C-alpha atoms as a PDB file:
ATOM      1  CA  UNK A   1      41.325 -10.863   4.800  1.00  0.00           C
ATOM      2  CA  UNK A   2      42.066 -14.487   6.136  1.00  0.00           C
ATOM      3  CA  UNK A   3      39.316 -17.275   6.429  1.00  0.00           C
ATOM      4  CA  UNK A   4      37.826 -17.851   9.959  1.00  0.00           C
ATOM      5  CA  UNK A   5      39.282 -20.823  11.643  1.00  0.00           C
ATOM      6  CA  UNK A   6      35.618 -21.787  13.123  1.00  0.00           C
ATOM      7  CA  UNK A   7      34.418 -25.359  11.779  1.00  0.00           C
ATOM      8  CA  UNK A   8      30.695 -25.622  12.691  1.00  0.00           C
ATOM      9  CA  UNK A   9      27.992 -28.108  11.500  1.00  0.00           C
ATOM     10  CA  UNK A  10      25.891 -27.118   8.483  1.00  0.00           C
ATOM     11  CA  UNK A  11      22.746 -28.226  10.696  1.00  0.00           C
ATOM     12  CA  UNK A  12      23.837 -25.846  13.455  1.00  0.00           C
ATOM     13  CA  UNK A  13      24.493 -22.844  11.117  1.00  0.00           C
ATOM     14  CA  UNK A  14      22.000 -23.341   8.420  1.00  0.00           C
ATOM     15  CA  UNK A  15      24.910 -23.000   5.965  1.00  0.00           C
ATOM     16  CA  UNK A  16      23.550 -25.951   3.912  1.00  0.00           C
ATOM     17  CA  UNK A  17      20.696 -23.862   2.717  1.00  0.00           C
ATOM     18  CA  UNK A  18      22.267 -22.587  -0.506  1.00  0.00           C
ATOM     19  CA  UNK A  19      22.555 -26.386  -1.581  1.00  0.00           C
ATOM     20  CA  UNK A  20      19.423 -27.467  -0.069  1.00  0.00           C
ATOM     21  CA  UNK A  21      17.402 -24.702  -1.613  1.00  0.00           C
ATOM     22  CA  UNK A  22      19.135 -24.649  -5.002  1.00  0.00           C
ATOM     23  CA  UNK A  23      20.398 -21.207  -4.409  1.00  0.00           C
ATOM     24  CA  UNK A  24      23.796 -22.298  -5.670  1.00  0.00           C
ATOM     25  CA  UNK A  25      22.289 -22.830  -9.083  1.00  0.00           C
ATOM     26  CA  UNK A  26      20.111 -19.895  -9.138  1.00  0.00           C
ATOM     27  CA  UNK A  27      17.325 -22.254  -9.577  1.00  0.00           C
ATOM     28  CA  UNK A  28      14.460 -19.990  -8.974  1.00  0.00           C
ATOM     29  CA  UNK A  29      12.414 -16.981  -9.674  1.00  0.00           C
ATOM     30  CA  UNK A  30      11.564 -13.801  -7.645  1.00  0.00           C
ATOM     31  CA  UNK A  31       9.119 -11.060  -7.528  1.00  0.00           C
ATOM     32  CA  UNK A  32       8.905  -7.744  -5.836  1.00  0.00           C
ATOM     33  CA  UNK A  33       5.767  -5.972  -5.088  1.00  0.00           C
ATOM     34  CA  UNK A  34       5.353  -2.269  -4.032  1.00  0.00           C
ATOM     35  CA  UNK A  35       3.029  -1.530  -1.157  1.00  0.00           C
ATOM     36  CA  UNK A  36       1.285   1.939  -1.246  1.00  0.00           C
ATOM     37  CA  UNK A  37      -0.627   2.963   1.770  1.00  0.00           C
ATOM     38  CA  UNK A  38      -3.674   2.827   2.382  1.00  0.00           C
ATOM     39  CA  UNK A  39      -4.453   1.321  -0.954  1.00  0.00           C
ATOM     40  CA  UNK A  40      -2.316  -1.720  -0.386  1.00  0.00           C
ATOM     41  CA  UNK A  41      -0.011  -3.677  -3.109  1.00  0.00           C
ATOM     42  CA  UNK A  42       0.294  -2.301  -6.479  1.00  0.00           C
ATOM     43  CA  UNK A  43      -0.783  -4.917  -9.008  1.00  0.00           C
ATOM     44  CA  UNK A  44      -0.379  -7.557  -6.914  1.00  0.00           C
ATOM     45  CA  UNK A  45      -2.286  -9.923  -8.914  1.00  0.00           C
ATOM     46  CA  UNK A  46      -0.171  -9.275 -12.110  1.00  0.00           C
ATOM     47  CA  UNK A  47       2.877  -9.871 -10.116  1.00  0.00           C
ATOM     48  CA  UNK A  48       1.673 -13.260  -8.787  1.00  0.00           C
ATOM     49  CA  UNK A  49       0.679 -14.146 -12.346  1.00  0.00           C
ATOM     50  CA  UNK A  50       4.133 -13.481 -13.480  1.00  0.00           C
ATOM     51  CA  UNK A  51       5.614 -15.501 -10.824  1.00  0.00           C
ATOM     52  CA  UNK A  52       3.395 -18.358 -11.840  1.00  0.00           C
ATOM     53  CA  UNK A  53       4.718 -17.945 -15.305  1.00  0.00           C
ATOM     54  CA  UNK A  54       8.263 -17.971 -14.330  1.00  0.00           C
ATOM     55  CA  UNK A  55       7.553 -21.345 -12.152  1.00  0.00           C
ATOM     56  CA  UNK A  56       5.990 -22.809 -14.957  1.00  0.00           C
ATOM     57  CA  UNK A  57       9.018 -22.111 -17.450  1.00  0.00           C
ATOM     58  CA  UNK A  58      11.232 -23.538 -14.964  1.00  0.00           C
ATOM     59  CA  UNK A  59       9.097 -26.559 -14.219  1.00  0.00           C
ATOM     60  CA  UNK A  60       8.701 -25.907 -10.384  1.00  0.00           C
ATOM     61  CA  UNK A  61       5.580 -27.148  -9.176  1.00  0.00           C
ATOM     62  CA  UNK A  62       3.759 -27.527  -5.920  1.00  0.00           C
ATOM     63  CA  UNK A  63       3.677 -23.636  -5.245  1.00  0.00           C
ATOM     64  CA  UNK A  64       0.193 -22.244  -4.426  1.00  0.00           C
ATOM     65  CA  UNK A  65       0.319 -18.486  -5.157  1.00  0.00           C
ATOM     66  CA  UNK A  66      -2.926 -17.852  -3.466  1.00  0.00           C
ATOM     67  CA  UNK A  67      -1.158 -18.809  -0.305  1.00  0.00           C
ATOM     68  CA  UNK A  68       1.638 -16.499  -1.149  1.00  0.00           C
ATOM     69  CA  UNK A  69      -0.834 -13.755  -1.758  1.00  0.00           C
ATOM     70  CA  UNK A  70      -2.348 -14.543   1.819  1.00  0.00           C
ATOM     71  CA  UNK A  71       1.348 -14.579   3.472  1.00  0.00           C
ATOM     72  CA  UNK A  72       2.412 -10.996   2.061  1.00  0.00           C
ATOM     73  CA  UNK A  73      -0.537  -9.625   3.193  1.00  0.00           C
ATOM     74  CA  UNK A  74      -0.144 -10.809   6.707  1.00  0.00           C
ATOM     75  CA  UNK A  75       3.485 -10.265   6.712  1.00  0.00           C
ATOM     76  CA  UNK A  76       3.220  -6.439   5.813  1.00  0.00           C
ATOM     77  CA  UNK A  77       0.983  -6.185   8.874  1.00  0.00           C
ATOM     78  CA  UNK A  78       2.987  -8.450  11.100  1.00  0.00           C
ATOM     79  CA  UNK A  79       6.151  -6.240  10.311  1.00  0.00           C
ATOM     80  CA  UNK A  80       4.586  -3.181  10.953  1.00  0.00           C
ATOM     81  CA  UNK A  81       5.079  -1.895   7.553  1.00  0.00           C
ATOM     82  CA  UNK A  82       1.477  -0.670   6.527  1.00  0.00           C
ATOM     83  CA  UNK A  83       2.018   3.213   7.639  1.00  0.00           C
ATOM     84  CA  UNK A  84       4.407   3.948   4.827  1.00  0.00           C
ATOM     85  CA  UNK A  85       5.570   2.656   1.385  1.00  0.00           C
ATOM     86  CA  UNK A  86       7.167  -0.937   1.403  1.00  0.00           C
ATOM     87  CA  UNK A  87       8.027  -3.744  -0.894  1.00  0.00           C
ATOM     88  CA  UNK A  88       7.310  -7.519  -0.455  1.00  0.00           C
ATOM     89  CA  UNK A  89      10.010  -9.850  -1.789  1.00  0.00           C
ATOM     90  CA  UNK A  90       9.129 -13.379  -2.790  1.00  0.00           C
ATOM     91  CA  UNK A  91      11.706 -16.019  -3.930  1.00  0.00           C
ATOM     92  CA  UNK A  92      10.984 -19.613  -4.853  1.00  0.00           C
ATOM     93  CA  UNK A  93      13.624 -22.172  -5.657  1.00  0.00           C
ATOM     94  CA  UNK A  94      13.234 -25.697  -6.634  1.00  0.00           C
ATOM     95  CA  UNK A  95      13.617 -27.116  -3.051  1.00  0.00           C
ATOM     96  CA  UNK A  96      16.002 -29.090  -0.635  1.00  0.00           C
ATOM     97  CA  UNK A  97      18.332 -31.704  -2.090  1.00  0.00           C
ATOM     98  CA  UNK A  98      21.468 -33.186  -1.213  1.00  0.00           C
ATOM     99  CA  UNK A  99      23.936 -34.029  -2.800  1.00  0.00           C
ATOM    100  CA  UNK A 100      24.091 -30.938  -5.328  1.00  0.00           C
ATOM    101  CA  UNK A 101      23.505 -32.233  -8.713  1.00  0.00           C
ATOM    102  CA  UNK A 102      23.045 -30.684 -12.219  1.00  0.00           C
ATOM    103  CA  UNK A 103      19.337 -31.970 -12.770  1.00  0.00           C
ATOM    104  CA  UNK A 104      16.038 -31.822 -10.837  1.00  0.00           C
ATOM    105  CA  UNK A 105      15.615 -33.288  -7.415  1.00  0.00           C
ATOM    106  CA  UNK A 106      12.797 -36.041  -7.178  1.00  0.00           C
ATOM    107  CA  UNK A 107       9.415 -35.048  -7.792  1.00  0.00           C
ATOM    108  CA  UNK A 108       8.388 -35.350  -4.448  1.00  0.00           C
ATOM    109  CA  UNK A 109      10.813 -32.422  -3.346  1.00  0.00           C
ATOM    110  CA  UNK A 110       8.725 -29.322  -2.033  1.00  0.00           C
ATOM    111  CA  UNK A 111      10.054 -25.787  -3.147  1.00  0.00           C
ATOM    112  CA  UNK A 112      11.590 -23.540  -0.905  1.00  0.00           C
ATOM    113  CA  UNK A 113       9.733 -20.193  -0.541  1.00  0.00           C
ATOM    114  CA  UNK A 114      11.295 -17.088   1.172  1.00  0.00           C
ATOM    115  CA  UNK A 115       9.113 -14.098   1.670  1.00  0.00           C
ATOM    116  CA  UNK A 116      10.031 -10.833   3.371  1.00  0.00           C
ATOM    117  CA  UNK A 117       8.689  -7.181   3.804  1.00  0.00           C
ATOM    118  CA  UNK A 118      10.894  -4.246   4.133  1.00  0.00           C
ATOM    119  CA  UNK A 119      10.244  -0.355   4.123  1.00  0.00           C
ATOM    120  CA  UNK A 120      10.910   1.457   1.023  1.00  0.00           C
ATOM    121  CA  UNK A 121      11.905   5.051   0.210  1.00  0.00           C
ATOM    122  CA  UNK A 122      10.673   6.370  -2.992  1.00  0.00           C
ATOM    123  CA  UNK A 123      13.175   7.650  -5.605  1.00  0.00           C
ATOM    124  CA  UNK A 124      11.515  11.040  -5.532  1.00  0.00           C
ATOM    125  CA  UNK A 125      14.664  13.214  -6.633  1.00  0.00           C
ATOM    126  CA  UNK A 126      15.506  10.874  -9.582  1.00  0.00           C
ATOM    127  CA  UNK A 127      11.747  10.925 -10.746  1.00  0.00           C
ATOM    128  CA  UNK A 128      11.853  14.805 -10.550  1.00  0.00           C
ATOM    129  CA  UNK A 129      15.295  15.625 -12.046  1.00  0.00           C
ATOM    130  CA  UNK A 130      15.925  12.613 -14.192  1.00  0.00           C
ATOM    131  CA  UNK A 131      18.852  10.367 -14.436  1.00  0.00           C
ATOM    132  CA  UNK A 132      21.663   9.453 -16.328  1.00  0.00           C
ATOM    133  CA  UNK A 133      22.320   5.819 -17.839  1.00  0.00           C
ATOM    134  CA  UNK A 134      25.074   3.890 -19.377  1.00  0.00           C
ATOM    135  CA  UNK A 135      24.363   2.046 -22.648  1.00  0.00           C
ATOM    136  CA  UNK A 136      26.082  -1.499 -22.887  1.00  0.00           C
ATOM    137  CA  UNK A 137      25.680  -4.724 -25.152  1.00  0.00           C
ATOM    138  CA  UNK A 138      23.129  -7.022 -23.889  1.00  0.00           C
ATOM    139  CA  UNK A 139      25.175 -10.412 -23.447  1.00  0.00           C
ATOM    140  CA  UNK A 140      22.574 -12.314 -21.209  1.00  0.00           C
ATOM    141  CA  UNK A 141      20.997 -15.619 -22.080  1.00  0.00           C
ATOM    142  CA  UNK A 142      18.079 -15.714 -24.241  1.00  0.00           C
ATOM    143  CA  UNK A 143      15.167 -16.313 -21.623  1.00  0.00           C
ATOM    144  CA  UNK A 144      14.864 -13.007 -20.179  1.00  0.00           C
ATOM    145  CA  UNK A 145      11.350 -13.181 -19.944  1.00  0.00           C
ATOM    146  CA  UNK A 146      11.687 -15.336 -16.890  1.00  0.00           C
ATOM    147  CA  UNK A 147      12.372 -13.460 -13.705  1.00  0.00           C
ATOM    148  CA  UNK A 148      15.049 -15.711 -12.298  1.00  0.00           C
ATOM    149  CA  UNK A 149      17.344 -15.168  -9.541  1.00  0.00           C
ATOM    150  CA  UNK A 150      20.230 -15.409 -11.943  1.00  0.00           C
ATOM    151  CA  UNK A 151      21.393 -11.713 -11.782  1.00  0.00           C
ATOM    152  CA  UNK A 152      25.028 -11.771 -12.206  1.00  0.00           C
ATOM    153  CA  UNK A 153      24.808  -9.847 -15.500  1.00  0.00           C
ATOM    154  CA  UNK A 154      22.333  -7.302 -14.141  1.00  0.00           C
ATOM    155  CA  UNK A 155      24.597  -6.756 -10.969  1.00  0.00           C
ATOM    156  CA  UNK A 156      27.830  -6.195 -13.137  1.00  0.00           C
ATOM    157  CA  UNK A 157      26.274  -3.766 -15.340  1.00  0.00           C
ATOM    158  CA  UNK A 158      24.569  -1.837 -12.500  1.00  0.00           C
ATOM    159  CA  UNK A 159      27.742  -1.689 -10.632  1.00  0.00           C
ATOM    160  CA  UNK A 160      29.586  -0.254 -13.576  1.00  0.00           C
ATOM    161  CA  UNK A 161      26.606   2.474 -13.751  1.00  0.00           C
ATOM    162  CA  UNK A 162      26.986   3.140 -10.143  1.00  0.00           C
ATOM    163  CA  UNK A 163      30.759   3.672 -10.548  1.00  0.00           C
ATOM    164  CA  UNK A 164      30.295   5.928 -13.314  1.00  0.00           C
ATOM    165  CA  UNK A 165      27.828   7.984 -11.367  1.00  0.00           C
ATOM    166  CA  UNK A 166      24.746   6.799 -13.317  1.00  0.00           C
ATOM    167  CA  UNK A 167      21.388   5.580 -12.043  1.00  0.00           C
ATOM    168  CA  UNK A 168      20.894   2.444 -14.255  1.00  0.00           C
ATOM    169  CA  UNK A 169      22.454   0.740 -17.373  1.00  0.00           C
ATOM    170  CA  UNK A 170      20.136   0.139 -20.605  1.00  0.00           C
ATOM    171  CA  UNK A 171      20.852  -2.752 -23.011  1.00  0.00           C
ATOM    172  CA  UNK A 172      20.953  -3.268 -26.742  1.00  0.00           C
ATOM    173  CA  UNK A 173      21.321  -6.460 -28.635  1.00  0.00           C
ATOM    174  CA  UNK A 174      22.000  -6.785 -32.187  1.00  0.00           C
ATOM    175  CA  UNK A 175      21.399  -2.964 -32.852  1.00  0.00           C
ATOM    176  CA  UNK A 176      18.259  -2.703 -31.001  1.00  0.00           C
ATOM    177  CA  UNK A 177      17.097  -1.685 -27.388  1.00  0.00           C
ATOM    178  CA  UNK A 178      16.038  -4.367 -24.920  1.00  0.00           C
ATOM    179  CA  UNK A 179      15.861  -3.013 -21.335  1.00  0.00           C
ATOM    180  CA  UNK A 180      17.780  -2.048 -18.202  1.00  0.00           C
ATOM    181  CA  UNK A 181      19.176  -4.081 -15.465  1.00  0.00           C
ATOM    182  CA  UNK A 182      16.151  -3.937 -13.456  1.00  0.00           C
ATOM    183  CA  UNK A 183      13.811  -1.673 -15.452  1.00  0.00           C
ATOM    184  CA  UNK A 184      11.958  -1.487 -18.860  1.00  0.00           C
ATOM    185  CA  UNK A 185      12.929   1.174 -21.400  1.00  0.00           C
ATOM    186  CA  UNK A 186      10.369   3.444 -23.257  1.00  0.00           C
ATOM    187  CA  UNK A 187      11.110   6.485 -25.643  1.00  0.00           C
ATOM    188  CA  UNK A 188       9.037   9.109 -27.172  1.00  0.00           C
ATOM    189  CA  UNK A 189       9.367   9.590 -30.984  1.00  0.00           C
ATOM    190  CA  UNK A 190       7.359  11.794 -33.072  1.00  0.00           C
ATOM    191  CA  UNK A 191       4.673  12.035 -30.034  1.00  0.00           C
ATOM    192  CA  UNK A 192       4.336   8.267 -29.647  1.00  0.00           C
ATOM    193  CA  UNK A 193       5.516   6.368 -26.657  1.00  0.00           C
ATOM    194  CA  UNK A 194       7.478   3.377 -28.080  1.00  0.00           C
ATOM    195  CA  UNK A 195       8.787   0.506 -25.946  1.00  0.00           C
ATOM    196  CA  UNK A 196      10.492  -2.890 -27.320  1.00  0.00           C
ATOM    197  CA  UNK A 197       7.830  -5.570 -27.825  1.00  0.00           C
ATOM    198  CA  UNK A 198       7.314  -8.464 -25.280  1.00  0.00           C
ATOM    199  CA  UNK A 199       9.576 -11.218 -26.268  1.00  0.00           C
ATOM    200  CA  UNK A 200      11.888 -13.729 -24.692  1.00  0.00           C
ATOM    201  CA  UNK A 201      14.542 -10.928 -24.724  1.00  0.00           C
ATOM    202  CA  UNK A 202      12.991  -8.717 -22.139  1.00  0.00           C
ATOM    203  CA  UNK A 203      10.998  -9.057 -19.025  1.00  0.00           C
ATOM    204  CA  UNK A 204       7.259  -8.404 -19.380  1.00  0.00           C
ATOM    205  CA  UNK A 205       7.276  -5.522 -16.797  1.00  0.00           C
ATOM    206  CA  UNK A 206       4.108  -5.063 -14.507  1.00  0.00           C
ATOM    207  CA  UNK A 207       4.575  -1.305 -14.357  1.00  0.00           C
ATOM    208  CA  UNK A 208       5.152  -1.189 -18.153  1.00  0.00           C
ATOM    209  CA  UNK A 209       1.825  -2.826 -18.946  1.00  0.00           C
ATOM    210  CA  UNK A 210       0.076  -0.219 -16.777  1.00  0.00           C
ATOM    211  CA  UNK A 211       1.702   2.807 -18.474  1.00  0.00           C
ATOM    212  CA  UNK A 212       0.810   1.294 -21.890  1.00  0.00           C
ATOM    213  CA  UNK A 213      -2.773   0.863 -20.803  1.00  0.00           C
ATOM    214  CA  UNK A 214      -2.939   4.459 -19.154  1.00  0.00           C
ATOM    215  CA  UNK A 215      -1.433   5.970 -22.360  1.00  0.00           C
ATOM    216  CA  UNK A 216      -4.136   4.077 -24.473  1.00  0.00           C
ATOM    217  CA  UNK A 217      -7.109   5.229 -22.190  1.00  0.00           C
ATOM    218  CA  UNK A 218      -5.618   8.796 -22.289  1.00  0.00           C
ATOM    219  CA  UNK A 219      -5.440   9.069 -25.900  1.00  0.00           C
ATOM    220  CA  UNK A 220      -1.505   9.024 -26.069  1.00  0.00           C
ATOM    221  CA  UNK A 221      -0.176   7.072 -29.167  1.00  0.00           C
ATOM    222  CA  UNK A 222       1.478   4.118 -28.051  1.00  0.00           C
ATOM    223  CA  UNK A 223       3.568   1.438 -30.247  1.00  0.00           C
ATOM    224  CA  UNK A 224       5.344  -1.720 -29.047  1.00  0.00           C
ATOM    225  CA  UNK A 225       8.178  -2.025 -31.524  1.00  0.00           C
ATOM    226  CA  UNK A 226      11.837  -1.999 -32.001  1.00  0.00           C
ATOM    227  CA  UNK A 227      13.938   0.834 -30.999  1.00  0.00           C
ATOM    228  CA  UNK A 228      16.989   1.080 -32.730  1.00  0.00           C
ATOM    229  CA  UNK A 229      20.270   1.847 -30.841  1.00  0.00           C
ATOM    230  CA  UNK A 230      21.479   4.308 -33.366  1.00  0.00           C
ATOM    231  CA  UNK A 231      18.423   6.484 -33.046  1.00  0.00           C
ATOM    232  CA  UNK A 232      18.742   7.057 -29.271  1.00  0.00           C
ATOM    233  CA  UNK A 233      20.470  10.549 -29.536  1.00  0.00           C
ATOM    234  CA  UNK A 234      17.441  11.759 -31.821  1.00  0.00           C
ATOM    235  CA  UNK A 235      14.579  10.458 -29.495  1.00  0.00           C
ATOM    236  CA  UNK A 236      12.460  13.168 -28.031  1.00  0.00           C
ATOM    237  CA  UNK A 237      12.348  11.565 -24.511  1.00  0.00           C
ATOM    238  CA  UNK A 238      13.588   8.486 -22.937  1.00  0.00           C
ATOM    239  CA  UNK A 239      12.571   6.774 -19.576  1.00  0.00           C
ATOM    240  CA  UNK A 240      13.022   3.763 -17.412  1.00  0.00           C
ATOM    241  CA  UNK A 241      10.029   2.127 -16.001  1.00  0.00           C
ATOM    242  CA  UNK A 242       9.690  -0.325 -13.054  1.00  0.00           C
ATOM    243  CA  UNK A 243       8.328  -1.446  -9.663  1.00  0.00           C
ATOM    244  CA  UNK A 244      10.749   0.696  -7.793  1.00  0.00           C
ATOM    245  CA  UNK A 245      11.615   3.368 -10.283  1.00  0.00           C
ATOM    246  CA  UNK A 246       8.042   4.080 -11.283  1.00  0.00           C
ATOM    247  CA  UNK A 247       8.504   6.233 -14.439  1.00  0.00           C
ATOM    248  CA  UNK A 248      11.821   8.010 -14.260  1.00  0.00           C
ATOM    249  CA  UNK A 249      13.014  10.218 -17.118  1.00  0.00           C
ATOM    250  CA  UNK A 250      16.276   9.764 -18.615  1.00  0.00           C
ATOM    251  CA  UNK A 251      18.263  12.905 -19.091  1.00  0.00           C
ATOM    252  CA  UNK A 252      21.732  11.600 -20.329  1.00  0.00           C
ATOM    253  CA  UNK A 253      22.784   8.302 -22.141  1.00  0.00           C
ATOM    254  CA  UNK A 254      26.470   8.078 -21.706  1.00  0.00           C
ATOM    255  CA  UNK A 255      27.710  11.476 -22.524  1.00  0.00           C
ATOM    256  CA  UNK A 256      25.108  12.902 -24.618  1.00  0.00           C
ATOM    257  CA  UNK A 257      21.810  14.659 -23.498  1.00  0.00           C
ATOM    258  CA  UNK A 258      18.467  13.740 -24.457  1.00  0.00           C
ATOM    259  CA  UNK A 259      16.731  16.275 -26.723  1.00  0.00           C
ATOM    260  CA  UNK A 260      14.132  17.481 -24.574  1.00  0.00           C
ATOM    261  CA  UNK A 261      15.671  16.835 -21.123  1.00  0.00           C
ATOM    262  CA  UNK A 262      15.125  20.496 -20.366  1.00  0.00           C
ATOM    263  CA  UNK A 263      11.230  19.911 -20.308  1.00  0.00           C
ATOM    264  CA  UNK A 264      11.377  17.361 -17.428  1.00  0.00           C
ATOM    265  CA  UNK A 265       9.596  18.730 -14.414  1.00  0.00           C
END
């Protein structure tokens, strides 16, 4: 496909936005918050705390998360999304700056905040029947605890899963499991729920934390500890956990079947 021969001013088209908002550097963070009527947003405060953490790690200042809270509450009403499940998407970049440069803009620069809400269709069939995932090496950078908008590794790995007819790709680094492209990873071994410990190598999932707390309060043994890649075929159960996936059982990893997949109901 050839390029269009139209030449328009950036001011007229808004096409200077990627430069002005630092999108061209992936210089920002984001959050996705699930809305369940009639209760409202799920773990909204935890999502906003994680957003604040990411902003602090990237040294992006002048962002009022309390104001973001008010905006997403108003936006879901304005958009008419309160009658069914929805998601709010929040993205904050370092702010408007020209020319494009590989260092922070002046300290007076205000961040750019983009927020939207959209309807969301739950993944009911995947949760009910379980999913197949691929297993790949985790070659991302070493600050995966920051929920940045730099998601090229995630997109490429997830695309390979889609092309292979799988739901997700989960990663291992140096022989130990980390997480999925947009999910946390958990497994059951000897009756204990195990998940990789919080570190700079995984995102501290909001849903992950809720599940750990629910298990503890229900008397289900829980351990945050390393899971060796080599022991995956021997695990009793595996699952991916996240805002949009909730708790989704894994029934196949690559071409092998999880031991108790037949128990998934």
